[in-house]
Amino acid sequence: MKANSIRNFLGLFYLGTTTLLGAFILIFGESRNILPISKTDANSSFQIIIPTFIAQLTIIFRWYASPPKIENDDINIPRWVVIAPPILALLILIGTILLIAADNGASLEGGQIFKNIVTFIVSILGATTVFIVARVFGEAKKDVLDNIAKSSVQNGGGGHVGG
């Protein structure tokens, strides 16, 4: 995948899920028909997911403000590594919301299930996004260091950065 394709996919995912999920929890957090969990559980879930997603969104938007020089280069990372975690997390979240709504508090502890699922998907997305960003910016950093080393060798510096 190209660096800009990764950035665009993750940017749209985090912007969309942060705004839609945040609004959903705020609007329907106490609704007994749509998301039958307590206000406390809704607030806890909001406090878990929104700051983390905002942080992820900030990392992605940093890419827009200061794209690496390798932006149009292919990054040696399988497409599924970028796409699968967000899609699976979204499917798990939607499935959980539908299950809680269908149960309507009859047999499940919906609030606790919702908070646990939110914590689970935030953990998965945090770990995978950090890996992807480190991989992309790591390659960009490696290219910069390689260019400095080449320049140093060409200028008689013996290959040492800053030498």
C-alpha atoms as a PDB file:
ATOM      1  CA  MET A   1       0.000   0.000   0.000  1.00  0.00           C
ATOM      2  CA  LYS A   2       1.097   3.542  -0.599  1.00  0.00           C
ATOM      3  CA  ALA A   3       1.673   5.729   2.458  1.00  0.00           C
ATOM      4  CA  ASN A   4      -1.020   8.188   1.356  1.00  0.00           C
ATOM      5  CA  SER A   5      -3.550   5.348   0.896  1.00  0.00           C
ATOM      6  CA  ILE A   6      -2.886   4.173   4.444  1.00  0.00           C
ATOM      7  CA  ARG A   7      -3.261   7.720   5.746  1.00  0.00           C
ATOM      8  CA  ASN A   8      -6.489   8.324   3.825  1.00  0.00           C
ATOM      9  CA  PHE A   9      -8.115   5.065   4.961  1.00  0.00           C
ATOM     10  CA  LEU A  10      -7.181   5.511   8.619  1.00  0.00           C
ATOM     11  CA  GLY A  11      -8.072   9.212   8.545  1.00  0.00           C
ATOM     12  CA  LEU A  12     -11.565   8.532   7.219  1.00  0.00           C
ATOM     13  CA  PHE A  13     -12.055   5.623   9.608  1.00  0.00           C
ATOM     14  CA  TYR A  14     -11.054   7.532  12.734  1.00  0.00           C
ATOM     15  CA  LEU A  15     -12.860  10.721  11.756  1.00  0.00           C
ATOM     16  CA  GLY A  16     -16.042   8.803  10.922  1.00  0.00           C
ATOM     17  CA  THR A  17     -16.046   6.491  13.923  1.00  0.00           C
ATOM     18  CA  THR A  18     -15.039   9.189  16.402  1.00  0.00           C
ATOM     19  CA  THR A  19     -17.788  11.576  15.345  1.00  0.00           C
ATOM     20  CA  LEU A  20     -20.517   8.993  14.756  1.00  0.00           C
ATOM     21  CA  LEU A  21     -19.806   6.860  17.814  1.00  0.00           C
ATOM     22  CA  GLY A  22     -19.365   9.900  20.040  1.00  0.00           C
ATOM     23  CA  ALA A  23     -22.660  11.365  18.855  1.00  0.00           C
ATOM     24  CA  PHE A  24     -24.382   7.977  19.142  1.00  0.00           C
ATOM     25  CA  ILE A  25     -23.290   7.503  22.761  1.00  0.00           C
ATOM     26  CA  LEU A  26     -24.159  11.085  23.703  1.00  0.00           C
ATOM     27  CA  ILE A  27     -27.583  11.026  22.045  1.00  0.00           C
ATOM     28  CA  PHE A  28     -28.686   7.461  22.746  1.00  0.00           C
ATOM     29  CA  GLY A  29     -26.669   6.611  25.874  1.00  0.00           C
ATOM     30  CA  GLU A  30     -29.774   6.578  28.070  1.00  0.00           C
ATOM     31  CA  SER A  31     -32.283   5.401  25.507  1.00  0.00           C
ATOM     32  CA  ARG A  32     -33.914   2.191  26.651  1.00  0.00           C
ATOM     33  CA  ASN A  33     -34.910   1.384  23.051  1.00  0.00           C
ATOM     34  CA  ILE A  34     -31.726   2.005  21.092  1.00  0.00           C
ATOM     35  CA  LEU A  35     -28.831   1.531  23.537  1.00  0.00           C
ATOM     36  CA  PRO A  36     -30.258   0.188  26.785  1.00  0.00           C
ATOM     37  CA  ILE A  37     -27.358   0.934  29.124  1.00  0.00           C
ATOM     38  CA  SER A  38     -27.180   3.236  32.115  1.00  0.00           C
ATOM     39  CA  LYS A  39     -26.004   6.825  31.854  1.00  0.00           C
ATOM     40  CA  THR A  40     -22.967   5.876  33.947  1.00  0.00           C
ATOM     41  CA  ASP A  41     -22.025   3.074  31.543  1.00  0.00           C
ATOM     42  CA  ALA A  42     -22.570   5.363  28.555  1.00  0.00           C
ATOM     43  CA  ASN A  43     -20.356   8.047  30.103  1.00  0.00           C
ATOM     44  CA  SER A  44     -17.676   5.490  31.002  1.00  0.00           C
ATOM     45  CA  SER A  45     -17.674   4.128  27.455  1.00  0.00           C
ATOM     46  CA  PHE A  46     -17.489   7.638  26.029  1.00  0.00           C
ATOM     47  CA  GLN A  47     -14.554   8.440  28.324  1.00  0.00           C
ATOM     48  CA  ILE A  48     -12.729   5.295  27.215  1.00  0.00           C
ATOM     49  CA  ILE A  49     -13.194   5.540  23.479  1.00  0.00           C
ATOM     50  CA  ILE A  50     -13.336   9.205  22.535  1.00  0.00           C
ATOM     51  CA  PRO A  51      -9.989  10.410  23.980  1.00  0.00           C
ATOM     52  CA  THR A  52      -8.230   7.408  22.451  1.00  0.00           C
ATOM     53  CA  PHE A  53      -9.854   7.897  19.060  1.00  0.00           C
ATOM     54  CA  ILE A  54      -9.094  11.632  19.189  1.00  0.00           C
ATOM     55  CA  ALA A  55      -5.449  10.741  19.838  1.00  0.00           C
ATOM     56  CA  GLN A  56      -5.468   8.366  16.860  1.00  0.00           C
ATOM     57  CA  LEU A  57      -7.117  11.042  14.743  1.00  0.00           C
ATOM     58  CA  THR A  58      -4.447  13.536  15.795  1.00  0.00           C
ATOM     59  CA  ILE A  59      -1.698  11.104  14.744  1.00  0.00           C
ATOM     60  CA  ILE A  60      -3.343  10.626  11.348  1.00  0.00           C
ATOM     61  CA  PHE A  61      -3.916  14.359  10.829  1.00  0.00           C
ATOM     62  CA  ARG A  62      -0.253  14.916  11.631  1.00  0.00           C
ATOM     63  CA  TRP A  63       0.322  12.962   8.430  1.00  0.00           C
ATOM     64  CA  TYR A  64      -1.726  15.505   6.508  1.00  0.00           C
ATOM     65  CA  ALA A  65       0.131  18.442   8.038  1.00  0.00           C
ATOM     66  CA  SER A  66       3.592  16.958   7.561  1.00  0.00           C
ATOM     67  CA  PRO A  67       3.536  14.041   5.110  1.00  0.00           C
ATOM     68  CA  PRO A  68       6.679  11.913   4.895  1.00  0.00           C
ATOM     69  CA  LYS A  69       8.743  12.167   1.722  1.00  0.00           C
ATOM     70  CA  ILE A  70       7.800   8.581   0.925  1.00  0.00           C
ATOM     71  CA  GLU A  71       4.095   9.480   0.763  1.00  0.00           C
ATOM     72  CA  ASN A  72       3.648   8.084  -2.763  1.00  0.00           C
ATOM     73  CA  ASP A  73       5.967   5.112  -2.255  1.00  0.00           C
ATOM     74  CA  ASP A  74       4.744   1.604  -1.610  1.00  0.00           C
ATOM     75  CA  ILE A  75       5.133   0.608   2.022  1.00  0.00           C
ATOM     76  CA  ASN A  76       6.023  -3.035   2.488  1.00  0.00           C
ATOM     77  CA  ILE A  77       2.988  -3.817   4.629  1.00  0.00           C
ATOM     78  CA  PRO A  78       0.117  -6.108   3.660  1.00  0.00           C
ATOM     79  CA  ARG A  79      -3.174  -4.369   2.896  1.00  0.00           C
ATOM     80  CA  TRP A  80      -5.041  -6.513   5.435  1.00  0.00           C
ATOM     81  CA  VAL A  81      -2.783  -5.239   8.266  1.00  0.00           C
ATOM     82  CA  VAL A  82      -4.140  -1.736   7.639  1.00  0.00           C
ATOM     83  CA  ILE A  83      -7.748  -2.535   6.765  1.00  0.00           C
ATOM     84  CA  ALA A  84      -8.698  -5.581   8.873  1.00  0.00           C
ATOM     85  CA  PRO A  85      -8.347  -4.192  12.427  1.00  0.00           C
ATOM     86  CA  PRO A  86     -10.629  -1.157  11.912  1.00  0.00           C
ATOM     87  CA  ILE A  87     -13.214  -3.158   9.945  1.00  0.00           C
ATOM     88  CA  LEU A  88     -13.275  -5.994  12.501  1.00  0.00           C
ATOM     89  CA  ALA A  89     -13.487  -3.526  15.395  1.00  0.00           C
ATOM     90  CA  LEU A  90     -16.400  -1.761  13.733  1.00  0.00           C
ATOM     91  CA  LEU A  91     -18.205  -5.056  13.082  1.00  0.00           C
ATOM     92  CA  ILE A  92     -17.687  -6.136  16.710  1.00  0.00           C
ATOM     93  CA  LEU A  93     -19.005  -2.790  17.961  1.00  0.00           C
ATOM     94  CA  ILE A  94     -22.059  -2.823  15.689  1.00  0.00           C
ATOM     95  CA  GLY A  95     -22.785  -6.453  16.587  1.00  0.00           C
ATOM     96  CA  THR A  96     -22.539  -5.631  20.283  1.00  0.00           C
ATOM     97  CA  ILE A  97     -24.884  -2.654  19.980  1.00  0.00           C
ATOM     98  CA  LEU A  98     -27.404  -4.765  18.062  1.00  0.00           C
ATOM     99  CA  LEU A  99     -27.185  -7.572  20.636  1.00  0.00           C
ATOM    100  CA  ILE A 100     -27.660  -5.186  23.564  1.00  0.00           C
ATOM    101  CA  ALA A 101     -30.544  -3.427  21.821  1.00  0.00           C
ATOM    102  CA  ALA A 102     -32.232  -6.731  20.939  1.00  0.00           C
ATOM    103  CA  ASP A 103     -31.881  -8.019  24.515  1.00  0.00           C
ATOM    104  CA  ASN A 104     -33.170  -4.676  25.884  1.00  0.00           C
ATOM    105  CA  GLY A 105     -31.779  -5.448  29.319  1.00  0.00           C
ATOM    106  CA  ALA A 106     -33.766  -8.678  29.675  1.00  0.00           C
ATOM    107  CA  SER A 107     -30.867 -11.044  30.337  1.00  0.00           C
ATOM    108  CA  LEU A 108     -27.579  -9.336  29.567  1.00  0.00           C
ATOM    109  CA  GLU A 109     -25.633  -6.789  31.575  1.00  0.00           C
ATOM    110  CA  GLY A 110     -25.515  -4.510  28.542  1.00  0.00           C
ATOM    111  CA  GLY A 111     -23.576  -1.665  30.109  1.00  0.00           C
ATOM    112  CA  GLN A 112     -20.735  -3.875  31.295  1.00  0.00           C
ATOM    113  CA  ILE A 113     -20.613  -5.738  27.984  1.00  0.00           C
ATOM    114  CA  PHE A 114     -20.539  -2.434  26.074  1.00  0.00           C
ATOM    115  CA  LYS A 115     -17.699  -1.026  28.226  1.00  0.00           C
ATOM    116  CA  ASN A 116     -15.682  -4.239  27.865  1.00  0.00           C
ATOM    117  CA  ILE A 117     -16.131  -4.291  24.082  1.00  0.00           C
ATOM    118  CA  VAL A 118     -15.191  -0.605  23.849  1.00  0.00           C
ATOM    119  CA  THR A 119     -12.028  -1.262  25.879  1.00  0.00           C
ATOM    120  CA  PHE A 120     -11.228  -4.292  23.713  1.00  0.00           C
ATOM    121  CA  ILE A 121     -11.574  -2.500  20.363  1.00  0.00           C
ATOM    122  CA  VAL A 122      -9.722   0.592  21.599  1.00  0.00           C
ATOM    123  CA  SER A 123      -6.826  -1.676  22.615  1.00  0.00           C
ATOM    124  CA  ILE A 124      -6.752  -3.444  19.251  1.00  0.00           C
ATOM    125  CA  LEU A 125      -6.972  -0.212  17.274  1.00  0.00           C
ATOM    126  CA  GLY A 126      -4.402   1.543  19.429  1.00  0.00           C
ATOM    127  CA  ALA A 127      -1.839  -1.227  19.036  1.00  0.00           C
ATOM    128  CA  THR A 128      -2.327  -1.669  15.299  1.00  0.00           C
ATOM    129  CA  THR A 129      -2.375   2.039  14.476  1.00  0.00           C
ATOM    130  CA  VAL A 130       0.802   2.650  16.480  1.00  0.00           C
ATOM    131  CA  PHE A 131       2.467  -0.195  14.573  1.00  0.00           C
ATOM    132  CA  ILE A 132       1.371   1.158  11.199  1.00  0.00           C
ATOM    133  CA  VAL A 133       2.393   4.754  11.940  1.00  0.00           C
ATOM    134  CA  ALA A 134       5.747   3.597  13.321  1.00  0.00           C
ATOM    135  CA  ARG A 135       6.257   1.463  10.223  1.00  0.00           C
ATOM    136  CA  VAL A 136       5.483   4.263   7.792  1.00  0.00           C
ATOM    137  CA  PHE A 137       7.370   6.981   9.645  1.00  0.00           C
ATOM    138  CA  GLY A 138      10.122   4.509  10.487  1.00  0.00           C
ATOM    139  CA  GLU A 139      10.719   3.984   6.760  1.00  0.00           C
ATOM    140  CA  ALA A 140      10.646   7.735   6.207  1.00  0.00           C
ATOM    141  CA  LYS A 141      13.163   8.239   9.038  1.00  0.00           C
ATOM    142  CA  LYS A 142      15.361   5.415   7.675  1.00  0.00           C
ATOM    143  CA  ASP A 143      15.385   7.100   4.227  1.00  0.00           C
ATOM    144  CA  VAL A 144      16.431  10.416   5.776  1.00  0.00           C
ATOM    145  CA  LEU A 145      19.218   8.755   7.793  1.00  0.00           C
ATOM    146  CA  ASP A 146      20.395   6.820   4.711  1.00  0.00           C
ATOM    147  CA  ASN A 147      20.521  10.057   2.699  1.00  0.00           C
ATOM    148  CA  ILE A 148      22.497  11.776   5.461  1.00  0.00           C
ATOM    149  CA  ALA A 149      24.925   8.847   5.582  1.00  0.00           C
ATOM    150  CA  LYS A 150      25.343   8.879   1.768  1.00  0.00           C
ATOM    151  CA  SER A 151      25.926  12.619   1.823  1.00  0.00           C
ATOM    152  CA  SER A 152      28.459  12.237   4.586  1.00  0.00           C
ATOM    153  CA  VAL A 153      30.354   9.538   2.647  1.00  0.00           C
ATOM    154  CA  GLN A 154      30.324  11.659  -0.513  1.00  0.00           C
ATOM    155  CA  ASN A 155      31.676  14.615   1.476  1.00  0.00           C
ATOM    156  CA  GLY A 156      34.494  12.569   3.025  1.00  0.00           C
ATOM    157  CA  GLY A 157      32.812  12.041   6.392  1.00  0.00           C
ATOM    158  CA  GLY A 158      33.519   8.327   6.496  1.00  0.00           C
ATOM    159  CA  GLY A 159      29.849   7.372   6.591  1.00  0.00           C
ATOM    160  CA  HIS A 160      29.178   8.681  10.079  1.00  0.00           C
ATOM    161  CA  VAL A 161      26.125  10.854  10.536  1.00  0.00           C
ATOM    162  CA  GLY A 162      27.306  14.296  11.500  1.00  0.00           C
ATOM    163  CA  GLY A 163      30.953  13.275  10.824  1.00  0.00           C
END
